[in-house]
Every structure is written in C-alpha cells, then in structure tokens.
Amino acid sequence: MHVEKVSYKNLVQITVVGDMYIPKSLDTSKKYPTIVVEHPFGDIKEQTSGLYAQKMAERGFITVAFDASHYGESGGEPRHIEVPGTRVEDFSAAVDFLSNHPLVDPERIGVIGICGGGGYSVSAAQIDHRMKAVATISMYD
C-alpha cells in the first residue's frame, strides 16, 4: 500500500495531520469507500489508529488515521488536552478533505473510533450525516 501524509484545517482553523493509506491495486479511474480512523485518548496516529487504518487498507479500503487537534503532528495549543467539540469537528474536517479527493466516493465514507475516539465518532456521526457508517472499538465516552 501507499502511505501519504495529508493535512487540512478544521472549523476552528487548527491544522489536522493524518496518514492516508491507499491500497496499491486501486484503479485510479474509480472512487472507493473510505474509512476515517480516530485514536484513543492520549494516543497518536502511528499507534492504534494507524494499525487499524493499515489493516482496513489491506482489505481494500482507503483509510485515514489522523492526530486529533492538540496531539501528535496536528496543531492546537495547549498540547495534550481534550477539547470535545474540537475532537468531534476533526472527524467532519476529515470528511471535508476526503469528499474532495479524486479516489474517494463521498457517499461511502465511514468512521472508526477507538476508545475515547469511539465516543467522539458517535457524536460526529450524529451531526454529520455524510458519515455513512460508524464502528467503535472499546468505546469510552
């Protein structure tokens, strides 16, 4: 698979940084289902969410694992702080970005939230109906 560093601004103008996993066998003239993967509290994209994103990409999905605002390579001050509204917005910002990507079918974008990210994924999907599927792993809210 091909891994591409991506970044985009969320609604509060924080730069969110992610890793986009693209299966090598894709036909670039088509659009594909895509999954946004959010990490647990205190985690970063190179850990749990990155592993889930890689495994789903191995199954043919385009995936993006991102660092939530205030964590990892993403912006936001102070660092290592939970701002629930911003964490929820990070999901919608990812969908904004992906909806304009040439390989992504904007009608088939789903989200996976892990631990604390699971609670945020459910909240995000409740208000952003562009997210067509939600899965949580060890959800904590």
N, C-alpha and C. Protein backbone atom coordinates (compact mmCIF):
# COMPACT_ATOMS: atom_id res chain seq x y z
N MET A 1 0.83 -1.18 0.00
CA MET A 1 0.00 0.00 0.00
C MET A 1 0.88 1.24 0.00
N HIS A 2 0.27 2.31 -0.44
CA HIS A 2 0.95 3.61 -0.48
C HIS A 2 0.47 4.42 0.71
N VAL A 3 1.40 5.05 1.45
CA VAL A 3 1.04 5.90 2.58
C VAL A 3 1.41 7.34 2.23
N GLU A 4 0.44 8.22 2.38
CA GLU A 4 0.62 9.63 2.02
C GLU A 4 0.31 10.50 3.23
N LYS A 5 1.17 11.44 3.53
CA LYS A 5 0.92 12.40 4.62
C LYS A 5 -0.09 13.42 4.10
N VAL A 6 -1.15 13.68 4.86
CA VAL A 6 -2.16 14.66 4.47
C VAL A 6 -2.38 15.65 5.61
N SER A 7 -2.88 16.83 5.26
CA SER A 7 -3.25 17.81 6.29
C SER A 7 -4.38 18.68 5.76
N TYR A 8 -5.15 19.19 6.69
CA TYR A 8 -6.30 20.02 6.36
C TYR A 8 -6.67 20.80 7.62
N LYS A 9 -7.41 21.87 7.44
CA LYS A 9 -7.85 22.69 8.58
C LYS A 9 -9.22 22.24 9.04
N ASN A 10 -9.44 22.28 10.34
CA ASN A 10 -10.78 22.03 10.86
C ASN A 10 -11.51 23.37 10.99
N LEU A 11 -12.72 23.33 11.49
CA LEU A 11 -13.57 24.52 11.57
C LEU A 11 -12.95 25.63 12.42
N VAL A 12 -12.17 25.28 13.43
CA VAL A 12 -11.55 26.29 14.29
C VAL A 12 -10.13 26.63 13.82
N GLN A 13 -9.82 26.25 12.58
CA GLN A 13 -8.57 26.61 11.89
C GLN A 13 -7.32 25.96 12.48
N ILE A 14 -7.48 24.83 13.12
CA ILE A 14 -6.34 24.03 13.57
C ILE A 14 -5.99 23.08 12.42
N THR A 15 -4.70 22.97 12.13
CA THR A 15 -4.26 22.03 11.10
C THR A 15 -4.23 20.62 11.66
N VAL A 16 -4.97 19.74 11.01
CA VAL A 16 -5.04 18.33 11.40
C VAL A 16 -4.15 17.56 10.42
N VAL A 17 -3.29 16.69 10.96
CA VAL A 17 -2.35 15.93 10.13
C VAL A 17 -2.69 14.44 10.24
N GLY A 18 -2.70 13.78 9.10
CA GLY A 18 -3.01 12.36 9.08
C GLY A 18 -2.15 11.59 8.11
N ASP A 19 -2.25 10.28 8.18
CA ASP A 19 -1.63 9.37 7.23
C ASP A 19 -2.76 8.72 6.44
N MET A 20 -2.69 8.83 5.12
CA MET A 20 -3.69 8.24 4.24
C MET A 20 -3.10 6.97 3.65
N TYR A 21 -3.82 5.86 3.82
CA TYR A 21 -3.37 4.56 3.34
C TYR A 21 -4.18 4.21 2.09
N ILE A 22 -3.49 4.00 0.98
CA ILE A 22 -4.15 3.73 -0.29
C ILE A 22 -3.67 2.38 -0.80
N PRO A 23 -4.59 1.42 -0.95
CA PRO A 23 -4.19 0.12 -1.49
C PRO A 23 -3.57 0.27 -2.88
N LYS A 24 -2.52 -0.47 -3.18
CA LYS A 24 -1.82 -0.35 -4.46
C LYS A 24 -2.65 -0.82 -5.65
N SER A 25 -3.57 -1.71 -5.44
CA SER A 25 -4.30 -2.33 -6.55
C SER A 25 -5.48 -1.50 -7.05
N LEU A 26 -5.64 -0.28 -6.57
CA LEU A 26 -6.81 0.51 -6.96
C LEU A 26 -6.72 1.01 -8.39
N ASP A 27 -7.85 1.04 -9.06
CA ASP A 27 -8.00 1.63 -10.39
C ASP A 27 -8.24 3.12 -10.17
N THR A 28 -7.32 3.96 -10.60
CA THR A 28 -7.41 5.39 -10.32
C THR A 28 -8.53 6.10 -11.08
N SER A 29 -9.24 5.39 -11.95
CA SER A 29 -10.38 5.99 -12.63
C SER A 29 -11.68 5.79 -11.85
N LYS A 30 -11.61 5.09 -10.72
CA LYS A 30 -12.80 4.80 -9.91
C LYS A 30 -12.71 5.49 -8.56
N LYS A 31 -13.85 5.51 -7.85
CA LYS A 31 -13.91 6.06 -6.50
C LYS A 31 -14.21 4.92 -5.52
N TYR A 32 -13.65 5.03 -4.32
CA TYR A 32 -13.67 3.91 -3.38
C TYR A 32 -14.22 4.30 -2.01
N PRO A 33 -14.74 3.29 -1.28
CA PRO A 33 -15.17 3.53 0.10
C PRO A 33 -13.95 3.87 0.95
N THR A 34 -14.18 4.73 1.91
CA THR A 34 -13.08 5.26 2.72
C THR A 34 -13.46 5.25 4.19
N ILE A 35 -12.47 5.03 5.04
CA ILE A 35 -12.71 4.99 6.48
C ILE A 35 -11.76 5.97 7.18
N VAL A 36 -12.34 6.80 8.04
CA VAL A 36 -11.58 7.72 8.89
C VAL A 36 -11.39 7.01 10.23
N VAL A 37 -10.16 6.96 10.73
CA VAL A 37 -9.87 6.25 11.98
C VAL A 37 -9.30 7.23 13.01
N GLU A 38 -9.94 7.26 14.18
CA GLU A 38 -9.55 8.18 15.27
C GLU A 38 -8.96 7.40 16.43
N HIS A 39 -7.92 7.94 17.01
CA HIS A 39 -7.19 7.26 18.09
C HIS A 39 -7.80 7.44 19.47
N PRO A 40 -7.34 6.62 20.43
CA PRO A 40 -7.78 6.75 21.83
C PRO A 40 -7.25 8.04 22.47
N PHE A 41 -7.77 8.32 23.67
CA PHE A 41 -7.25 9.45 24.45
C PHE A 41 -5.74 9.32 24.56
N GLY A 42 -5.02 10.40 24.35
CA GLY A 42 -3.59 10.44 24.57
C GLY A 42 -2.75 9.70 23.55
N ASP A 43 -3.34 9.15 22.54
CA ASP A 43 -2.64 8.35 21.53
C ASP A 43 -2.28 9.23 20.33
N ILE A 44 -1.59 8.67 19.37
CA ILE A 44 -1.29 9.35 18.11
C ILE A 44 -1.49 8.36 16.96
N LYS A 45 -1.53 8.90 15.74
CA LYS A 45 -1.88 8.09 14.56
C LYS A 45 -0.90 6.97 14.27
N GLU A 46 0.30 7.03 14.74
CA GLU A 46 1.28 5.97 14.48
C GLU A 46 1.09 4.77 15.41
N GLN A 47 0.15 4.87 16.30
CA GLN A 47 -0.10 3.77 17.24
C GLN A 47 -1.38 3.03 16.84
N THR A 48 -2.33 2.93 17.71
CA THR A 48 -3.51 2.10 17.50
C THR A 48 -4.28 2.44 16.22
N SER A 49 -4.61 3.70 16.02
CA SER A 49 -5.42 4.06 14.85
C SER A 49 -4.69 3.80 13.55
N GLY A 50 -3.38 3.98 13.54
CA GLY A 50 -2.59 3.69 12.34
C GLY A 50 -2.62 2.20 12.01
N LEU A 51 -2.57 1.36 13.03
CA LEU A 51 -2.63 -0.08 12.80
C LEU A 51 -3.99 -0.48 12.23
N TYR A 52 -5.06 0.05 12.80
CA TYR A 52 -6.39 -0.25 12.26
C TYR A 52 -6.53 0.27 10.83
N ALA A 53 -6.01 1.45 10.57
CA ALA A 53 -6.08 2.02 9.21
C ALA A 53 -5.33 1.13 8.22
N GLN A 54 -4.15 0.65 8.62
CA GLN A 54 -3.39 -0.24 7.74
C GLN A 54 -4.15 -1.53 7.46
N LYS A 55 -4.72 -2.13 8.50
CA LYS A 55 -5.44 -3.40 8.34
C LYS A 55 -6.67 -3.23 7.44
N MET A 56 -7.37 -2.12 7.57
CA MET A 56 -8.54 -1.89 6.71
C MET A 56 -8.10 -1.58 5.27
N ALA A 57 -6.97 -0.92 5.10
CA ALA A 57 -6.44 -0.69 3.75
C ALA A 57 -6.04 -2.00 3.09
N GLU A 58 -5.52 -2.94 3.88
CA GLU A 58 -5.19 -4.27 3.34
C GLU A 58 -6.44 -4.98 2.84
N ARG A 59 -7.59 -4.57 3.32
CA ARG A 59 -8.87 -5.17 2.90
C ARG A 59 -9.54 -4.37 1.78
N GLY A 60 -8.81 -3.39 1.23
CA GLY A 60 -9.29 -2.67 0.05
C GLY A 60 -9.88 -1.30 0.28
N PHE A 61 -9.94 -0.85 1.53
CA PHE A 61 -10.47 0.49 1.82
C PHE A 61 -9.36 1.52 1.74
N ILE A 62 -9.68 2.71 1.29
CA ILE A 62 -8.80 3.86 1.52
C ILE A 62 -9.06 4.27 2.97
N THR A 63 -8.02 4.57 3.70
CA THR A 63 -8.19 4.94 5.10
C THR A 63 -7.35 6.17 5.44
N VAL A 64 -7.79 6.87 6.48
CA VAL A 64 -7.01 7.98 7.02
C VAL A 64 -7.00 7.85 8.53
N ALA A 65 -5.82 7.77 9.11
CA ALA A 65 -5.64 7.84 10.55
C ALA A 65 -5.05 9.22 10.83
N PHE A 66 -5.68 9.98 11.71
CA PHE A 66 -5.20 11.34 11.95
C PHE A 66 -4.90 11.57 13.42
N ASP A 67 -4.02 12.54 13.66
CA ASP A 67 -3.77 13.00 15.02
C ASP A 67 -4.85 14.02 15.35
N ALA A 68 -5.55 13.82 16.44
CA ALA A 68 -6.56 14.79 16.86
C ALA A 68 -5.89 16.13 17.15
N SER A 69 -6.67 17.19 17.05
CA SER A 69 -6.16 18.51 17.43
C SER A 69 -5.55 18.44 18.83
N HIS A 70 -4.42 19.10 19.00
CA HIS A 70 -3.67 19.17 20.25
C HIS A 70 -2.77 17.95 20.49
N TYR A 71 -2.73 17.00 19.54
CA TYR A 71 -1.91 15.79 19.69
C TYR A 71 -1.02 15.59 18.48
N GLY A 72 0.09 14.87 18.69
CA GLY A 72 0.96 14.44 17.59
C GLY A 72 1.38 15.59 16.69
N GLU A 73 1.27 15.35 15.37
CA GLU A 73 1.68 16.35 14.38
C GLU A 73 0.62 17.43 14.14
N SER A 74 -0.59 17.22 14.65
CA SER A 74 -1.63 18.23 14.45
C SER A 74 -1.36 19.44 15.33
N GLY A 75 -1.93 20.57 14.94
CA GLY A 75 -1.76 21.80 15.69
C GLY A 75 -2.68 21.84 16.90
N GLY A 76 -2.66 22.98 17.56
CA GLY A 76 -3.52 23.21 18.70
C GLY A 76 -2.73 23.39 19.98
N GLU A 77 -3.00 24.49 20.65
CA GLU A 77 -2.36 24.80 21.93
C GLU A 77 -3.45 24.99 22.97
N PRO A 78 -3.22 24.58 24.21
CA PRO A 78 -2.05 23.85 24.68
C PRO A 78 -2.04 22.43 24.14
N ARG A 79 -0.94 21.76 24.29
CA ARG A 79 -0.77 20.40 23.79
C ARG A 79 -1.38 19.39 24.77
N HIS A 80 -1.73 18.22 24.24
CA HIS A 80 -2.21 17.08 25.03
C HIS A 80 -3.40 17.43 25.92
N ILE A 81 -4.37 18.10 25.31
CA ILE A 81 -5.58 18.46 26.03
C ILE A 81 -6.79 17.97 25.25
N GLU A 82 -7.82 17.54 25.96
CA GLU A 82 -9.06 17.09 25.32
C GLU A 82 -10.01 18.27 25.22
N VAL A 83 -10.40 18.59 23.99
CA VAL A 83 -11.43 19.60 23.74
C VAL A 83 -12.52 18.89 22.94
N PRO A 84 -13.54 18.37 23.62
CA PRO A 84 -14.51 17.50 22.95
C PRO A 84 -15.10 18.06 21.66
N GLY A 85 -15.51 19.31 21.65
CA GLY A 85 -16.09 19.88 20.43
C GLY A 85 -15.11 19.88 19.28
N THR A 86 -13.86 20.13 19.57
CA THR A 86 -12.83 20.13 18.52
C THR A 86 -12.54 18.71 18.05
N ARG A 87 -12.51 17.75 18.97
CA ARG A 87 -12.29 16.36 18.56
C ARG A 87 -13.39 15.88 17.64
N VAL A 88 -14.64 16.25 17.93
CA VAL A 88 -15.76 15.90 17.05
C VAL A 88 -15.59 16.58 15.70
N GLU A 89 -15.22 17.84 15.71
CA GLU A 89 -15.02 18.59 14.46
C GLU A 89 -13.90 18.01 13.62
N ASP A 90 -12.89 17.42 14.25
CA ASP A 90 -11.80 16.80 13.50
C ASP A 90 -12.33 15.73 12.54
N PHE A 91 -13.36 15.00 12.95
CA PHE A 91 -13.97 14.00 12.06
C PHE A 91 -14.60 14.66 10.84
N SER A 92 -15.37 15.72 11.06
CA SER A 92 -16.01 16.41 9.94
C SER A 92 -14.98 17.04 9.02
N ALA A 93 -13.90 17.54 9.58
CA ALA A 93 -12.83 18.10 8.74
C ALA A 93 -12.22 17.02 7.86
N ALA A 94 -12.07 15.82 8.41
CA ALA A 94 -11.55 14.71 7.60
C ALA A 94 -12.50 14.38 6.47
N VAL A 95 -13.80 14.38 6.75
CA VAL A 95 -14.79 14.10 5.71
C VAL A 95 -14.79 15.21 4.65
N ASP A 96 -14.62 16.46 5.08
CA ASP A 96 -14.49 17.58 4.12
C ASP A 96 -13.33 17.31 3.16
N PHE A 97 -12.18 16.98 3.74
CA PHE A 97 -10.98 16.71 2.95
C PHE A 97 -11.21 15.53 2.00
N LEU A 98 -11.70 14.44 2.53
CA LEU A 98 -11.86 13.23 1.73
C LEU A 98 -12.91 13.37 0.64
N SER A 99 -13.95 14.13 0.90
CA SER A 99 -15.01 14.32 -0.09
C SER A 99 -14.51 14.94 -1.38
N ASN A 100 -13.38 15.62 -1.31
CA ASN A 100 -12.79 16.26 -2.49
C ASN A 100 -11.62 15.49 -3.08
N HIS A 101 -11.32 14.32 -2.53
CA HIS A 101 -10.19 13.52 -3.03
C HIS A 101 -10.66 12.72 -4.24
N PRO A 102 -9.85 12.67 -5.30
CA PRO A 102 -10.29 12.00 -6.54
C PRO A 102 -10.54 10.50 -6.43
N LEU A 103 -9.98 9.82 -5.43
CA LEU A 103 -10.19 8.38 -5.29
C LEU A 103 -11.33 8.01 -4.33
N VAL A 104 -11.87 9.01 -3.65
CA VAL A 104 -12.84 8.75 -2.58
C VAL A 104 -14.27 8.96 -3.08
N ASP A 105 -15.12 7.97 -2.79
CA ASP A 105 -16.55 8.10 -3.05
C ASP A 105 -17.16 8.81 -1.85
N PRO A 106 -17.60 10.06 -1.99
CA PRO A 106 -18.11 10.81 -0.84
C PRO A 106 -19.39 10.22 -0.25
N GLU A 107 -20.04 9.33 -0.97
CA GLU A 107 -21.25 8.67 -0.47
C GLU A 107 -20.93 7.41 0.32
N ARG A 108 -19.64 7.05 0.41
CA ARG A 108 -19.25 5.83 1.13
C ARG A 108 -18.07 6.11 2.06
N ILE A 109 -18.27 7.06 2.97
CA ILE A 109 -17.27 7.39 3.97
C ILE A 109 -17.79 6.93 5.33
N GLY A 110 -16.98 6.12 6.00
CA GLY A 110 -17.32 5.65 7.33
C GLY A 110 -16.25 6.06 8.33
N VAL A 111 -16.53 5.84 9.60
CA VAL A 111 -15.56 6.19 10.65
C VAL A 111 -15.41 5.03 11.63
N ILE A 112 -14.20 4.92 12.14
CA ILE A 112 -13.90 4.00 13.24
C ILE A 112 -13.29 4.84 14.36
N GLY A 113 -13.87 4.75 15.53
CA GLY A 113 -13.32 5.44 16.69
C GLY A 113 -12.89 4.41 17.72
N ILE A 114 -11.70 4.61 18.26
CA ILE A 114 -11.14 3.66 19.21
C ILE A 114 -11.07 4.31 20.59
N CYS A 115 -11.59 3.63 21.58
CA CYS A 115 -11.59 4.08 22.97
C CYS A 115 -12.24 5.47 23.04
N GLY A 116 -11.52 6.48 23.50
CA GLY A 116 -12.08 7.83 23.55
C GLY A 116 -12.51 8.32 22.19
N GLY A 117 -11.78 7.96 21.15
CA GLY A 117 -12.17 8.33 19.79
C GLY A 117 -13.50 7.73 19.40
N GLY A 118 -13.88 6.62 20.04
CA GLY A 118 -15.17 5.99 19.78
C GLY A 118 -16.33 6.87 20.21
N GLY A 119 -16.21 7.48 21.37
CA GLY A 119 -17.25 8.40 21.83
C GLY A 119 -17.37 9.59 20.89
N TYR A 120 -16.24 10.11 20.46
CA TYR A 120 -16.26 11.25 19.55
C TYR A 120 -16.81 10.86 18.17
N SER A 121 -16.54 9.62 17.73
CA SER A 121 -17.03 9.20 16.41
C SER A 121 -18.55 9.13 16.40
N VAL A 122 -19.14 8.65 17.48
CA VAL A 122 -20.60 8.58 17.56
C VAL A 122 -21.19 9.99 17.57
N SER A 123 -20.59 10.89 18.34
CA SER A 123 -21.07 12.28 18.36
C SER A 123 -20.95 12.93 17.00
N ALA A 124 -19.86 12.68 16.31
CA ALA A 124 -19.64 13.27 14.98
C ALA A 124 -20.68 12.76 13.99
N ALA A 125 -20.93 11.46 14.00
CA ALA A 125 -21.88 10.88 13.05
C ALA A 125 -23.31 11.34 13.32
N GLN A 126 -23.62 11.69 14.56
CA GLN A 126 -24.95 12.19 14.88
C GLN A 126 -25.24 13.53 14.21
N ILE A 127 -24.20 14.34 14.03
CA ILE A 127 -24.41 15.67 13.47
C ILE A 127 -23.94 15.82 12.04
N ASP A 128 -23.12 14.90 11.56
CA ASP A 128 -22.61 14.98 10.18
C ASP A 128 -23.07 13.74 9.43
N HIS A 129 -24.14 13.88 8.69
CA HIS A 129 -24.76 12.73 8.03
C HIS A 129 -24.02 12.28 6.78
N ARG A 130 -22.90 12.89 6.48
CA ARG A 130 -22.07 12.40 5.39
C ARG A 130 -21.34 11.13 5.81
N MET A 131 -21.24 10.89 7.11
CA MET A 131 -20.63 9.67 7.63
C MET A 131 -21.67 8.57 7.55
N LYS A 132 -21.45 7.60 6.67
CA LYS A 132 -22.47 6.60 6.38
C LYS A 132 -22.41 5.36 7.27
N ALA A 133 -21.31 5.16 7.97
CA ALA A 133 -21.17 4.01 8.86
C ALA A 133 -20.27 4.41 10.02
N VAL A 134 -20.56 3.84 11.19
CA VAL A 134 -19.78 4.12 12.39
C VAL A 134 -19.46 2.79 13.07
N ALA A 135 -18.22 2.63 13.46
CA ALA A 135 -17.81 1.48 14.27
C ALA A 135 -16.96 2.00 15.42
N THR A 136 -17.13 1.38 16.57
CA THR A 136 -16.30 1.76 17.72
C THR A 136 -15.60 0.51 18.25
N ILE A 137 -14.46 0.73 18.83
CA ILE A 137 -13.68 -0.35 19.43
C ILE A 137 -13.35 0.07 20.86
N SER A 138 -13.81 -0.69 21.83
CA SER A 138 -13.60 -0.37 23.25
C SER A 138 -14.01 1.08 23.54
N MET A 139 -15.22 1.43 23.07
CA MET A 139 -15.66 2.82 23.18
C MET A 139 -15.67 3.29 24.64
N TYR A 140 -15.16 4.48 24.82
CA TYR A 140 -15.19 5.16 26.11
C TYR A 140 -15.77 6.54 25.85
N ASP A 141 -16.76 6.93 26.62
CA ASP A 141 -17.38 8.23 26.41
C ASP A 141 -17.49 8.94 27.73
